[in-house]
Amino acid sequence: MSQTDLPEFKDVAAAENRVRGVARETPVLTHPALDERAGATVLIKAECLQVTGSFKIRGAMNRLSQIPHSQRTAGVVAFSSGNHAQGVARAARLLGMPALIVMPKDAPQIKVDGVKADGGEVHLYDRNSESREEISERIAAERGAVLVPSYDDPHIIAGQGTAGMEFARQAEALGGPLDHLVCCAGGGGLTSGIALAMEGLSPETSIWTAEPEGHDDWARSLASGELCHNAPGTRSICDAILTPSPGEKYTYALGKRLFAGGMVVSDDEVREAMRLAFRYLKIVVEPGGAAALAAVLRGVPEGMKGKRIGIMATGGNVDAETYASIISP
């Protein structure tokens, strides 16, 4: 794959071999109470039970395993609010590479601790006054390290797409292909990777993004046909998916072709989805990982009623105090 080529289904299929034995196959969960609330048959893939607590280990392992051995001594640098950070730190440890992660000062402590537990070095920055990209590029240049983007990278996209490969097979085993799949979206690495997987294994499945209000850059971009950015300083409890815009080089190009549209949810709807996931599925889902579930549980549009809808519960890394306050309002 050249630097400018968009990834394809074959790249996702190849990534499965690289992540096998590191990423676990996560279960698909169902509950009749959730089906009734949504007005559809709902299948939830629990990537919150993945290694490091989110899907991010998939892309990180696929990307880092392709770094030539001659370049591994200098290690890697990444920037992330937490889940990509933990995925990169774990993959780097498994491959014997040092890792430095640039993280916002307000990142959940559980995510900072997760990086450090895997031997990663953390550089904190102020997301309101500093550029994480500029900091990461400077440190990577100083160290001669490889910069590992969180989403707009063909190898990251292909690695994340392995979750879609699994989901397509699991859905088929549970009664047939998905009519729709809704995925929490920040920069779009997971959603575009899943879309590539579905294009190869379940082309009839429509792919939708789910985002918090104020950070609905995907919904606006897909509706307008032009790449949109979020206003600086916009906040939500969904820290894991608060990116400035879709990936300008890869993910938006894929999304324009492969996504059906975008859904937008409120923070209150996300909190309710987290409570329902705990009550009925017995899983812990972080706010950013619950956006897709929230979008479906508020009631699907008329054209989706009665259909088979897949949902990615993308992560479960939430501080205990925050989680307790949400599930016991």
C-alpha atoms as a PDB file:
ATOM      1  CA  MET A   1       0.000   0.000   0.000  1.00  0.00           C
ATOM      2  CA  SER A   2       1.519   3.344  -1.014  1.00  0.00           C
ATOM      3  CA  GLN A   3       1.292   6.490   1.091  1.00  0.00           C
ATOM      4  CA  THR A   4      -1.545   7.917  -0.994  1.00  0.00           C
ATOM      5  CA  ASP A   5      -3.566   4.759  -1.629  1.00  0.00           C
ATOM      6  CA  LEU A   6      -6.814   4.283   0.250  1.00  0.00           C
ATOM      7  CA  PRO A   7      -6.978   0.988   2.138  1.00  0.00           C
ATOM      8  CA  GLU A   8      -9.176  -1.752   0.721  1.00  0.00           C
ATOM      9  CA  PHE A   9     -10.903  -4.899   1.934  1.00  0.00           C
ATOM     10  CA  LYS A  10      -7.779  -6.947   1.230  1.00  0.00           C
ATOM     11  CA  ASP A  11      -5.824  -4.763   3.655  1.00  0.00           C
ATOM     12  CA  VAL A  12      -8.345  -5.444   6.415  1.00  0.00           C
ATOM     13  CA  ALA A  13      -8.141  -9.168   5.675  1.00  0.00           C
ATOM     14  CA  ALA A  14      -4.332  -9.007   5.903  1.00  0.00           C
ATOM     15  CA  ALA A  15      -4.566  -7.116   9.192  1.00  0.00           C
ATOM     16  CA  GLU A  16      -6.470 -10.019  10.744  1.00  0.00           C
ATOM     17  CA  ASN A  17      -3.308 -12.111  10.634  1.00  0.00           C
ATOM     18  CA  ARG A  18      -1.264  -9.371  12.330  1.00  0.00           C
ATOM     19  CA  VAL A  19      -3.665  -8.803  15.219  1.00  0.00           C
ATOM     20  CA  ARG A  20      -4.534 -12.456  15.764  1.00  0.00           C
ATOM     21  CA  GLY A  21      -3.402 -13.608  19.186  1.00  0.00           C
ATOM     22  CA  VAL A  22      -3.272 -10.030  20.495  1.00  0.00           C
ATOM     23  CA  ALA A  23      -6.790  -8.692  19.973  1.00  0.00           C
ATOM     24  CA  ARG A  24      -9.499 -10.986  21.315  1.00  0.00           C
ATOM     25  CA  GLU A  25     -12.739 -11.803  19.529  1.00  0.00           C
ATOM     26  CA  THR A  26     -15.298  -9.813  21.496  1.00  0.00           C
ATOM     27  CA  PRO A  27     -18.849 -11.092  22.012  1.00  0.00           C
ATOM     28  CA  VAL A  28     -22.060  -9.874  20.398  1.00  0.00           C
ATOM     29  CA  LEU A  29     -24.764  -9.263  23.007  1.00  0.00           C
ATOM     30  CA  THR A  30     -28.546  -8.956  22.727  1.00  0.00           C
ATOM     31  CA  HIS A  31     -31.501  -8.280  25.021  1.00  0.00           C
ATOM     32  CA  PRO A  32     -35.234  -8.145  24.219  1.00  0.00           C
ATOM     33  CA  ALA A  33     -35.704  -5.004  26.334  1.00  0.00           C
ATOM     34  CA  LEU A  34     -33.236  -3.142  24.129  1.00  0.00           C
ATOM     35  CA  ASP A  35     -34.929  -4.435  20.972  1.00  0.00           C
ATOM     36  CA  GLU A  36     -38.263  -3.158  22.230  1.00  0.00           C
ATOM     37  CA  ARG A  37     -36.867   0.243  23.132  1.00  0.00           C
ATOM     38  CA  ALA A  38     -35.138   0.642  19.774  1.00  0.00           C
ATOM     39  CA  GLY A  39     -37.947  -0.765  17.641  1.00  0.00           C
ATOM     40  CA  ALA A  40     -35.482  -3.087  15.925  1.00  0.00           C
ATOM     41  CA  THR A  41     -33.371  -6.186  16.494  1.00  0.00           C
ATOM     42  CA  VAL A  42     -30.231  -4.858  18.144  1.00  0.00           C
ATOM     43  CA  LEU A  43     -26.879  -6.671  18.193  1.00  0.00           C
ATOM     44  CA  ILE A  44     -24.159  -5.026  20.305  1.00  0.00           C
ATOM     45  CA  LYS A  45     -20.512  -5.916  19.711  1.00  0.00           C
ATOM     46  CA  ALA A  46     -18.792  -5.388  23.057  1.00  0.00           C
ATOM     47  CA  GLU A  47     -15.390  -3.963  22.133  1.00  0.00           C
ATOM     48  CA  CYS A  48     -15.430  -2.518  25.658  1.00  0.00           C
ATOM     49  CA  LEU A  49     -14.274  -6.034  26.613  1.00  0.00           C
ATOM     50  CA  GLN A  50     -11.327  -5.829  24.233  1.00  0.00           C
ATOM     51  CA  VAL A  51      -7.677  -5.859  25.349  1.00  0.00           C
ATOM     52  CA  THR A  52      -6.884  -2.429  26.926  1.00  0.00           C
ATOM     53  CA  GLY A  53     -10.622  -1.762  27.138  1.00  0.00           C
ATOM     54  CA  SER A  54     -11.283  -0.604  23.571  1.00  0.00           C
ATOM     55  CA  PHE A  55     -10.941  -1.530  19.901  1.00  0.00           C
ATOM     56  CA  LYS A  56      -7.777   0.569  19.553  1.00  0.00           C
ATOM     57  CA  ILE A  57      -5.358  -2.330  20.082  1.00  0.00           C
ATOM     58  CA  ARG A  58      -6.403  -3.611  16.640  1.00  0.00           C
ATOM     59  CA  GLY A  59      -5.128  -0.626  14.668  1.00  0.00           C
ATOM     60  CA  ALA A  60      -2.126  -0.087  16.905  1.00  0.00           C
ATOM     61  CA  MET A  61      -0.899  -3.657  16.509  1.00  0.00           C
ATOM     62  CA  ASN A  62      -1.424  -3.624  12.758  1.00  0.00           C
ATOM     63  CA  ARG A  63       0.490  -0.344  12.423  1.00  0.00           C
ATOM     64  CA  LEU A  64       3.382  -1.047  14.803  1.00  0.00           C
ATOM     65  CA  SER A  65       3.987  -4.603  13.609  1.00  0.00           C
ATOM     66  CA  GLN A  66       4.824  -3.191  10.173  1.00  0.00           C
ATOM     67  CA  ILE A  67       7.558  -0.852  11.449  1.00  0.00           C
ATOM     68  CA  PRO A  68      10.914  -2.230  10.222  1.00  0.00           C
ATOM     69  CA  HIS A  69      13.080  -3.710  12.981  1.00  0.00           C
ATOM     70  CA  SER A  70      15.809  -1.188  12.126  1.00  0.00           C
ATOM     71  CA  GLN A  71      13.479   1.656  13.203  1.00  0.00           C
ATOM     72  CA  ARG A  72      12.070   0.128  16.381  1.00  0.00           C
ATOM     73  CA  THR A  73      14.811   1.224  18.786  1.00  0.00           C
ATOM     74  CA  ALA A  74      13.711   4.864  18.550  1.00  0.00           C
ATOM     75  CA  GLY A  75      10.154   3.825  19.314  1.00  0.00           C
ATOM     76  CA  VAL A  76       6.860   5.506  18.554  1.00  0.00           C
ATOM     77  CA  VAL A  77       5.013   8.707  19.435  1.00  0.00           C
ATOM     78  CA  ALA A  78       1.228   9.037  19.425  1.00  0.00           C
ATOM     79  CA  PHE A  79      -1.366  11.579  20.508  1.00  0.00           C
ATOM     80  CA  SER A  80      -4.661  10.560  22.091  1.00  0.00           C
ATOM     81  CA  SER A  81      -7.130  11.299  24.870  1.00  0.00           C
ATOM     82  CA  GLY A  82      -6.638   7.749  26.023  1.00  0.00           C
ATOM     83  CA  ASN A  83      -7.853   4.694  24.106  1.00  0.00           C
ATOM     84  CA  HIS A  84      -5.447   4.972  21.166  1.00  0.00           C
ATOM     85  CA  ALA A  85      -2.799   5.846  23.745  1.00  0.00           C
ATOM     86  CA  GLN A  86      -3.357   2.575  25.580  1.00  0.00           C
ATOM     87  CA  GLY A  87      -3.505   0.567  22.377  1.00  0.00           C
ATOM     88  CA  VAL A  88      -0.181   1.982  21.170  1.00  0.00           C
ATOM     89  CA  ALA A  89       1.464   1.512  24.566  1.00  0.00           C
ATOM     90  CA  ARG A  90       0.380  -2.140  24.706  1.00  0.00           C
ATOM     91  CA  ALA A  91       1.414  -2.904  21.124  1.00  0.00           C
ATOM     92  CA  ALA A  92       4.768  -1.184  21.674  1.00  0.00           C
ATOM     93  CA  ARG A  93       5.419  -3.224  24.815  1.00  0.00           C
ATOM     94  CA  LEU A  94       4.553  -6.472  23.037  1.00  0.00           C
ATOM     95  CA  LEU A  95       6.894  -5.573  20.164  1.00  0.00           C
ATOM     96  CA  GLY A  96       9.709  -4.314  22.414  1.00  0.00           C
ATOM     97  CA  MET A  97       9.503  -0.631  21.452  1.00  0.00           C
ATOM     98  CA  PRO A  98       9.457   2.485  23.636  1.00  0.00           C
ATOM     99  CA  ALA A  99       6.333   4.633  23.353  1.00  0.00           C
ATOM    100  CA  LEU A 100       5.584   8.243  24.256  1.00  0.00           C
ATOM    101  CA  ILE A 101       1.975   9.411  24.232  1.00  0.00           C
ATOM    102  CA  VAL A 102       0.863  13.043  24.103  1.00  0.00           C
ATOM    103  CA  MET A 103      -2.352  13.261  26.161  1.00  0.00           C
ATOM    104  CA  PRO A 104      -4.579  16.171  27.266  1.00  0.00           C
ATOM    105  CA  LYS A 105      -4.300  17.239  30.884  1.00  0.00           C
ATOM    106  CA  ASP A 106      -8.005  16.492  31.358  1.00  0.00           C
ATOM    107  CA  ALA A 107      -7.789  12.917  30.034  1.00  0.00           C
ATOM    108  CA  PRO A 108      -9.494  10.371  32.323  1.00  0.00           C
ATOM    109  CA  GLN A 109      -6.982   9.178  34.899  1.00  0.00           C
ATOM    110  CA  ILE A 110      -7.809   5.540  34.149  1.00  0.00           C
ATOM    111  CA  LYS A 111      -6.506   6.053  30.606  1.00  0.00           C
ATOM    112  CA  VAL A 112      -3.317   7.816  31.750  1.00  0.00           C
ATOM    113  CA  ASP A 113      -2.706   5.010  34.244  1.00  0.00           C
ATOM    114  CA  GLY A 114      -3.298   2.415  31.531  1.00  0.00           C
ATOM    115  CA  VAL A 115      -0.561   3.900  29.346  1.00  0.00           C
ATOM    116  CA  LYS A 116       1.906   3.988  32.230  1.00  0.00           C
ATOM    117  CA  ALA A 117       1.052   0.415  33.238  1.00  0.00           C
ATOM    118  CA  ASP A 118       2.284  -0.728  29.816  1.00  0.00           C
ATOM    119  CA  GLY A 119       5.518   1.208  30.184  1.00  0.00           C
ATOM    120  CA  GLY A 120       4.452   4.167  28.064  1.00  0.00           C
ATOM    121  CA  GLU A 121       5.768   7.656  28.731  1.00  0.00           C
ATOM    122  CA  VAL A 122       3.106  10.383  28.997  1.00  0.00           C
ATOM    123  CA  HIS A 123       3.477  14.014  27.896  1.00  0.00           C
ATOM    124  CA  LEU A 124       0.510  16.128  29.038  1.00  0.00           C
ATOM    125  CA  TYR A 125      -0.693  19.185  27.111  1.00  0.00           C
ATOM    126  CA  ASP A 126      -3.447  21.813  27.349  1.00  0.00           C
ATOM    127  CA  ARG A 127      -5.994  21.053  24.622  1.00  0.00           C
ATOM    128  CA  ASN A 128      -7.272  24.665  24.742  1.00  0.00           C
ATOM    129  CA  SER A 129      -3.946  26.355  24.053  1.00  0.00           C
ATOM    130  CA  GLU A 130      -1.577  23.766  22.554  1.00  0.00           C
ATOM    131  CA  SER A 131      -1.579  21.609  19.428  1.00  0.00           C
ATOM    132  CA  ARG A 132      -1.119  17.918  20.128  1.00  0.00           C
ATOM    133  CA  GLU A 133      -0.098  17.366  16.513  1.00  0.00           C
ATOM    134  CA  GLU A 134       2.681  19.958  16.702  1.00  0.00           C
ATOM    135  CA  ILE A 135       3.950  18.612  20.022  1.00  0.00           C
ATOM    136  CA  SER A 136       3.928  15.026  18.745  1.00  0.00           C
ATOM    137  CA  GLU A 137       5.683  15.906  15.494  1.00  0.00           C
ATOM    138  CA  ARG A 138       8.398  17.798  17.377  1.00  0.00           C
ATOM    139  CA  ILE A 139       9.067  14.990  19.843  1.00  0.00           C
ATOM    140  CA  ALA A 140       9.043  12.345  17.108  1.00  0.00           C
ATOM    141  CA  ALA A 141      11.559  14.369  15.084  1.00  0.00           C
ATOM    142  CA  GLU A 142      13.807  14.852  18.113  1.00  0.00           C
ATOM    143  CA  ARG A 143      13.812  11.121  18.880  1.00  0.00           C
ATOM    144  CA  GLY A 144      13.755   9.794  15.346  1.00  0.00           C
ATOM    145  CA  ALA A 145      10.589   7.957  16.370  1.00  0.00           C
ATOM    146  CA  VAL A 146       7.676   6.871  14.204  1.00  0.00           C
ATOM    147  CA  LEU A 147       4.561   9.033  14.600  1.00  0.00           C
ATOM    148  CA  VAL A 148       1.435   6.867  14.893  1.00  0.00           C
ATOM    149  CA  PRO A 149      -1.778   8.776  14.078  1.00  0.00           C
ATOM    150  CA  SER A 150      -4.943   7.786  15.889  1.00  0.00           C
ATOM    151  CA  TYR A 151      -7.192   7.415  12.842  1.00  0.00           C
ATOM    152  CA  ASP A 152      -6.121   8.994   9.533  1.00  0.00           C
ATOM    153  CA  ASP A 153      -3.649   6.267   8.615  1.00  0.00           C
ATOM    154  CA  PRO A 154      -4.284   3.362   6.214  1.00  0.00           C
ATOM    155  CA  HIS A 155      -2.751   0.728   8.516  1.00  0.00           C
ATOM    156  CA  ILE A 156      -4.700   1.991  11.537  1.00  0.00           C
ATOM    157  CA  ILE A 157      -7.912   1.916   9.494  1.00  0.00           C
ATOM    158  CA  ALA A 158      -7.237  -1.620   8.247  1.00  0.00           C
ATOM    159  CA  GLY A 159      -6.474  -2.835  11.760  1.00  0.00           C
ATOM    160  CA  GLN A 160      -9.637  -1.336  13.225  1.00  0.00           C
ATOM    161  CA  GLY A 161     -11.589  -2.927  10.401  1.00  0.00           C
ATOM    162  CA  THR A 162     -10.879  -6.367  11.830  1.00  0.00           C
ATOM    163  CA  ALA A 163     -13.690  -5.669  14.313  1.00  0.00           C
ATOM    164  CA  GLY A 164     -16.010  -5.440  11.322  1.00  0.00           C
ATOM    165  CA  MET A 165     -14.750  -8.735   9.918  1.00  0.00           C
ATOM    166  CA  GLU A 166     -15.653 -10.416  13.199  1.00  0.00           C
ATOM    167  CA  PHE A 167     -19.011  -8.670  13.468  1.00  0.00           C
ATOM    168  CA  ALA A 168     -20.084  -9.671   9.968  1.00  0.00           C
ATOM    169  CA  ARG A 169     -19.368 -13.338  10.685  1.00  0.00           C
ATOM    170  CA  GLN A 170     -20.954 -13.222  14.129  1.00  0.00           C
ATOM    171  CA  ALA A 171     -24.126 -11.571  12.821  1.00  0.00           C
ATOM    172  CA  GLU A 172     -24.441 -14.220  10.108  1.00  0.00           C
ATOM    173  CA  ALA A 173     -24.108 -16.953  12.734  1.00  0.00           C
ATOM    174  CA  LEU A 174     -26.816 -15.264  14.810  1.00  0.00           C
ATOM    175  CA  GLY A 175     -29.397 -15.279  12.052  1.00  0.00           C
ATOM    176  CA  GLY A 176     -28.242 -13.310   9.052  1.00  0.00           C
ATOM    177  CA  PRO A 177     -26.492 -10.168   7.865  1.00  0.00           C
ATOM    178  CA  LEU A 178     -26.961  -6.774   9.481  1.00  0.00           C
ATOM    179  CA  ASP A 179     -29.222  -4.312   7.683  1.00  0.00           C
ATOM    180  CA  HIS A 180     -27.504  -1.382   9.384  1.00  0.00           C
ATOM    181  CA  LEU A 181     -24.430  -0.841  11.542  1.00  0.00           C
ATOM    182  CA  VAL A 182     -24.005   2.218  13.787  1.00  0.00           C
ATOM    183  CA  CYS A 183     -20.546   3.101  15.065  1.00  0.00           C
ATOM    184  CA  CYS A 184     -19.284   5.768  17.461  1.00  0.00           C
ATOM    185  CA  ALA A 185     -17.127   8.107  15.391  1.00  0.00           C
ATOM    186  CA  GLY A 186     -14.365  10.542  16.188  1.00  0.00           C
ATOM    187  CA  GLY A 187     -11.892  10.779  13.341  1.00  0.00           C
ATOM    188  CA  GLY A 188     -13.507   7.796  11.656  1.00  0.00           C
ATOM    189  CA  GLY A 189     -10.740   5.186  11.679  1.00  0.00           C
ATOM    190  CA  LEU A 190     -12.942   2.453  13.144  1.00  0.00           C
ATOM    191  CA  THR A 191     -16.048   3.305  11.133  1.00  0.00           C
ATOM    192  CA  SER A 192     -14.185   3.442   7.825  1.00  0.00           C
ATOM    193  CA  GLY A 193     -12.321   0.219   8.601  1.00  0.00           C
ATOM    194  CA  ILE A 194     -15.582  -1.513   9.472  1.00  0.00           C
ATOM    195  CA  ALA A 195     -17.143  -0.165   6.274  1.00  0.00           C
ATOM    196  CA  LEU A 196     -14.328  -1.742   4.252  1.00  0.00           C
ATOM    197  CA  ALA A 197     -14.868  -5.050   6.048  1.00  0.00           C
ATOM    198  CA  MET A 198     -18.607  -4.927   5.405  1.00  0.00           C
ATOM    199  CA  GLU A 199     -18.048  -3.994   1.769  1.00  0.00           C
ATOM    200  CA  GLY A 200     -16.280  -7.323   1.369  1.00  0.00           C
ATOM    201  CA  LEU A 201     -18.360  -9.542   3.660  1.00  0.00           C
ATOM    202  CA  SER A 202     -21.780  -7.882   3.976  1.00  0.00           C
ATOM    203  CA  PRO A 203     -22.223  -5.266   1.234  1.00  0.00           C
ATOM    204  CA  GLU A 204     -25.951  -4.891   1.955  1.00  0.00           C
ATOM    205  CA  THR A 205     -25.183  -3.399   5.397  1.00  0.00           C
ATOM    206  CA  SER A 206     -25.562   0.399   5.638  1.00  0.00           C
ATOM    207  CA  ILE A 207     -22.940   2.126   7.803  1.00  0.00           C
ATOM    208  CA  TRP A 208     -23.823   5.078  10.073  1.00  0.00           C
ATOM    209  CA  THR A 209     -21.731   7.277  12.354  1.00  0.00           C
ATOM    210  CA  ALA A 210     -22.853   8.346  15.842  1.00  0.00           C
ATOM    211  CA  GLU A 211     -21.520  11.517  17.475  1.00  0.00           C
ATOM    212  CA  PRO A 212     -22.323  13.858  20.373  1.00  0.00           C
ATOM    213  CA  GLU A 213     -24.057  17.176  19.801  1.00  0.00           C
ATOM    214  CA  GLY A 214     -21.581  19.935  18.994  1.00  0.00           C
ATOM    215  CA  HIS A 215     -19.103  17.369  17.673  1.00  0.00           C
ATOM    216  CA  ASP A 216     -21.245  16.206  14.764  1.00  0.00           C
ATOM    217  CA  ASP A 217     -18.612  16.858  12.094  1.00  0.00           C
ATOM    218  CA  TRP A 218     -19.293  13.528  10.383  1.00  0.00           C
ATOM    219  CA  ALA A 219     -23.047  14.081  10.221  1.00  0.00           C
ATOM    220  CA  ARG A 220     -22.559  17.567   8.778  1.00  0.00           C
ATOM    221  CA  SER A 221     -19.814  16.482   6.390  1.00  0.00           C
ATOM    222  CA  LEU A 222     -21.859  13.593   5.005  1.00  0.00           C
ATOM    223  CA  ALA A 223     -24.986  15.732   4.667  1.00  0.00           C
ATOM    224  CA  SER A 224     -23.207  18.635   2.934  1.00  0.00           C
ATOM    225  CA  GLY A 225     -20.688  16.702   0.870  1.00  0.00           C
ATOM    226  CA  GLU A 226     -17.924  18.936   2.234  1.00  0.00           C
ATOM    227  CA  LEU A 227     -15.525  18.223   5.086  1.00  0.00           C
ATOM    228  CA  CYS A 228     -16.684  20.099   8.199  1.00  0.00           C
ATOM    229  CA  HIS A 229     -14.819  21.006  11.379  1.00  0.00           C
ATOM    230  CA  ASN A 230     -16.048  21.381  14.949  1.00  0.00           C
ATOM    231  CA  ALA A 231     -15.908  24.742  16.678  1.00  0.00           C
ATOM    232  CA  PRO A 232     -12.889  25.040  19.032  1.00  0.00           C
ATOM    233  CA  GLY A 233     -13.697  24.492  22.687  1.00  0.00           C
ATOM    234  CA  THR A 234     -16.835  22.415  22.104  1.00  0.00           C
ATOM    235  CA  ARG A 235     -17.217  19.887  24.905  1.00  0.00           C
ATOM    236  CA  SER A 236     -19.066  16.657  25.647  1.00  0.00           C
ATOM    237  CA  ILE A 237     -18.740  13.803  28.118  1.00  0.00           C
ATOM    238  CA  CYS A 238     -17.725  11.643  25.115  1.00  0.00           C
ATOM    239  CA  ASP A 239     -13.991  12.401  25.475  1.00  0.00           C
ATOM    240  CA  ALA A 240     -12.895   9.456  23.337  1.00  0.00           C
ATOM    241  CA  ILE A 241     -14.484  10.809  20.141  1.00  0.00           C
ATOM    242  CA  LEU A 242     -13.897  14.573  20.399  1.00  0.00           C
ATOM    243  CA  THR A 243     -11.795  15.054  17.281  1.00  0.00           C
ATOM    244  CA  PRO A 244     -11.693  18.324  15.305  1.00  0.00           C
ATOM    245  CA  SER A 245     -12.928  16.796  12.035  1.00  0.00           C
ATOM    246  CA  PRO A 246     -12.982  13.607   9.970  1.00  0.00           C
ATOM    247  CA  GLY A 247      -9.564  12.535   8.734  1.00  0.00           C
ATOM    248  CA  GLU A 248      -8.819  14.720   5.749  1.00  0.00           C
ATOM    249  CA  LYS A 249      -6.604  12.250   3.902  1.00  0.00           C
ATOM    250  CA  TYR A 250      -8.157   8.818   4.339  1.00  0.00           C
ATOM    251  CA  THR A 251     -11.245   8.462   6.534  1.00  0.00           C
ATOM    252  CA  TYR A 252     -13.342  11.194   4.935  1.00  0.00           C
ATOM    253  CA  ALA A 253     -12.515   9.903   1.455  1.00  0.00           C
ATOM    254  CA  LEU A 254     -13.720   6.455   2.517  1.00  0.00           C
ATOM    255  CA  GLY A 255     -16.721   7.800   4.403  1.00  0.00           C
ATOM    256  CA  LYS A 256     -18.002   9.786   1.437  1.00  0.00           C
ATOM    257  CA  ARG A 257     -18.188   6.540  -0.525  1.00  0.00           C
ATOM    258  CA  LEU A 258     -19.174   4.026   2.125  1.00  0.00           C
ATOM    259  CA  PHE A 259     -21.256   5.740   4.851  1.00  0.00           C
ATOM    260  CA  ALA A 260     -25.034   6.143   4.685  1.00  0.00           C
ATOM    261  CA  GLY A 261     -25.140   9.140   7.030  1.00  0.00           C
ATOM    262  CA  GLY A 262     -24.627  10.362  10.568  1.00  0.00           C
ATOM    263  CA  MET A 263     -26.633  10.291  13.805  1.00  0.00           C
ATOM    264  CA  VAL A 264     -26.267  12.817  16.635  1.00  0.00           C
ATOM    265  CA  VAL A 265     -26.980  12.262  20.336  1.00  0.00           C
ATOM    266  CA  SER A 266     -27.080  14.357  23.483  1.00  0.00           C
ATOM    267  CA  ASP A 267     -24.936  13.725  26.536  1.00  0.00           C
ATOM    268  CA  ASP A 268     -28.087  12.796  28.462  1.00  0.00           C
ATOM    269  CA  GLU A 269     -28.933  10.161  25.852  1.00  0.00           C
ATOM    270  CA  VAL A 270     -25.397   8.792  26.192  1.00  0.00           C
ATOM    271  CA  ARG A 271     -25.762   8.581  29.967  1.00  0.00           C
ATOM    272  CA  GLU A 272     -29.027   6.678  29.571  1.00  0.00           C
ATOM    273  CA  ALA A 273     -27.393   4.251  27.129  1.00  0.00           C
ATOM    274  CA  MET A 274     -24.623   3.594  29.636  1.00  0.00           C
ATOM    275  CA  ARG A 275     -27.215   2.845  32.320  1.00  0.00           C
ATOM    276  CA  LEU A 276     -29.131   0.482  30.051  1.00  0.00           C
ATOM    277  CA  ALA A 277     -25.951  -1.329  28.982  1.00  0.00           C
ATOM    278  CA  PHE A 278     -25.148  -1.884  32.654  1.00  0.00           C
ATOM    279  CA  ARG A 279     -28.688  -2.965  33.516  1.00  0.00           C
ATOM    280  CA  TYR A 280     -29.393  -5.345  30.648  1.00  0.00           C
ATOM    281  CA  LEU A 281     -26.011  -6.392  29.239  1.00  0.00           C
ATOM    282  CA  LYS A 282     -23.916  -6.191  32.435  1.00  0.00           C
ATOM    283  CA  ILE A 283     -21.127  -4.324  30.653  1.00  0.00           C
ATOM    284  CA  VAL A 284     -19.306  -1.068  31.421  1.00  0.00           C
ATOM    285  CA  VAL A 285     -19.334   1.307  28.449  1.00  0.00           C
ATOM    286  CA  GLU A 286     -17.576   4.680  28.542  1.00  0.00           C
ATOM    287  CA  PRO A 287     -19.408   7.777  27.255  1.00  0.00           C
ATOM    288  CA  GLY A 288     -17.614   7.902  23.895  1.00  0.00           C
ATOM    289  CA  GLY A 289     -18.191   4.173  23.482  1.00  0.00           C
ATOM    290  CA  ALA A 290     -21.928   4.471  24.125  1.00  0.00           C
ATOM    291  CA  ALA A 291     -22.853   7.043  21.454  1.00  0.00           C
ATOM    292  CA  ALA A 292     -23.944   4.432  18.893  1.00  0.00           C
ATOM    293  CA  LEU A 293     -26.059   2.606  21.451  1.00  0.00           C
ATOM    294  CA  ALA A 294     -27.611   5.916  22.479  1.00  0.00           C
ATOM    295  CA  ALA A 295     -28.467   6.748  18.862  1.00  0.00           C
ATOM    296  CA  VAL A 296     -30.380   3.498  18.410  1.00  0.00           C
ATOM    297  CA  LEU A 297     -32.034   3.247  21.838  1.00  0.00           C
ATOM    298  CA  ARG A 298     -33.768   6.602  21.513  1.00  0.00           C
ATOM    299  CA  GLY A 299     -35.811   4.951  18.734  1.00  0.00           C
ATOM    300  CA  VAL A 300     -34.710   4.327  15.178  1.00  0.00           C
ATOM    301  CA  PRO A 301     -36.054   6.179  12.106  1.00  0.00           C
ATOM    302  CA  GLU A 302     -39.070   4.660  10.335  1.00  0.00           C
ATOM    303  CA  GLY A 303     -36.953   3.081   7.605  1.00  0.00           C
ATOM    304  CA  MET A 304     -34.900   1.165  10.187  1.00  0.00           C
ATOM    305  CA  LYS A 305     -37.775  -0.170  12.289  1.00  0.00           C
ATOM    306  CA  GLY A 306     -37.843  -3.938  12.538  1.00  0.00           C
ATOM    307  CA  LYS A 307     -34.414  -4.284  10.911  1.00  0.00           C
ATOM    308  CA  ARG A 308     -31.269  -5.977  12.218  1.00  0.00           C
ATOM    309  CA  ILE A 309     -29.021  -3.210  13.537  1.00  0.00           C
ATOM    310  CA  GLY A 310     -25.443  -3.723  14.682  1.00  0.00           C
ATOM    311  CA  ILE A 311     -23.966  -1.411  17.286  1.00  0.00           C
ATOM    312  CA  MET A 312     -20.320  -0.982  18.216  1.00  0.00           C
ATOM    313  CA  ALA A 313     -19.837  -0.468  21.969  1.00  0.00           C
ATOM    314  CA  THR A 314     -16.329   0.781  21.342  1.00  0.00           C
ATOM    315  CA  GLY A 315     -14.759   1.219  24.774  1.00  0.00           C
ATOM    316  CA  GLY A 316     -15.144   0.834  28.525  1.00  0.00           C
ATOM    317  CA  ASN A 317     -12.399   3.027  29.965  1.00  0.00           C
ATOM    318  CA  VAL A 318     -14.267   5.350  32.306  1.00  0.00           C
ATOM    319  CA  ASP A 319     -13.174   6.573  35.735  1.00  0.00           C
ATOM    320  CA  ALA A 320     -15.025   4.822  38.565  1.00  0.00           C
ATOM    321  CA  GLU A 321     -16.307   8.080  40.069  1.00  0.00           C
ATOM    322  CA  THR A 322     -17.671   9.297  36.739  1.00  0.00           C
ATOM    323  CA  TYR A 323     -19.287   5.953  36.004  1.00  0.00           C
ATOM    324  CA  ALA A 324     -20.868   5.711  39.453  1.00  0.00           C
ATOM    325  CA  SER A 325     -22.385   9.179  39.104  1.00  0.00           C
ATOM    326  CA  ILE A 326     -23.899   8.249  35.736  1.00  0.00           C
ATOM    327  CA  ILE A 327     -25.412   4.874  36.544  1.00  0.00           C
ATOM    328  CA  SER A 328     -26.747   6.114  39.914  1.00  0.00           C
ATOM    329  CA  PRO A 329     -28.110   9.571  39.019  1.00  0.00           C
END
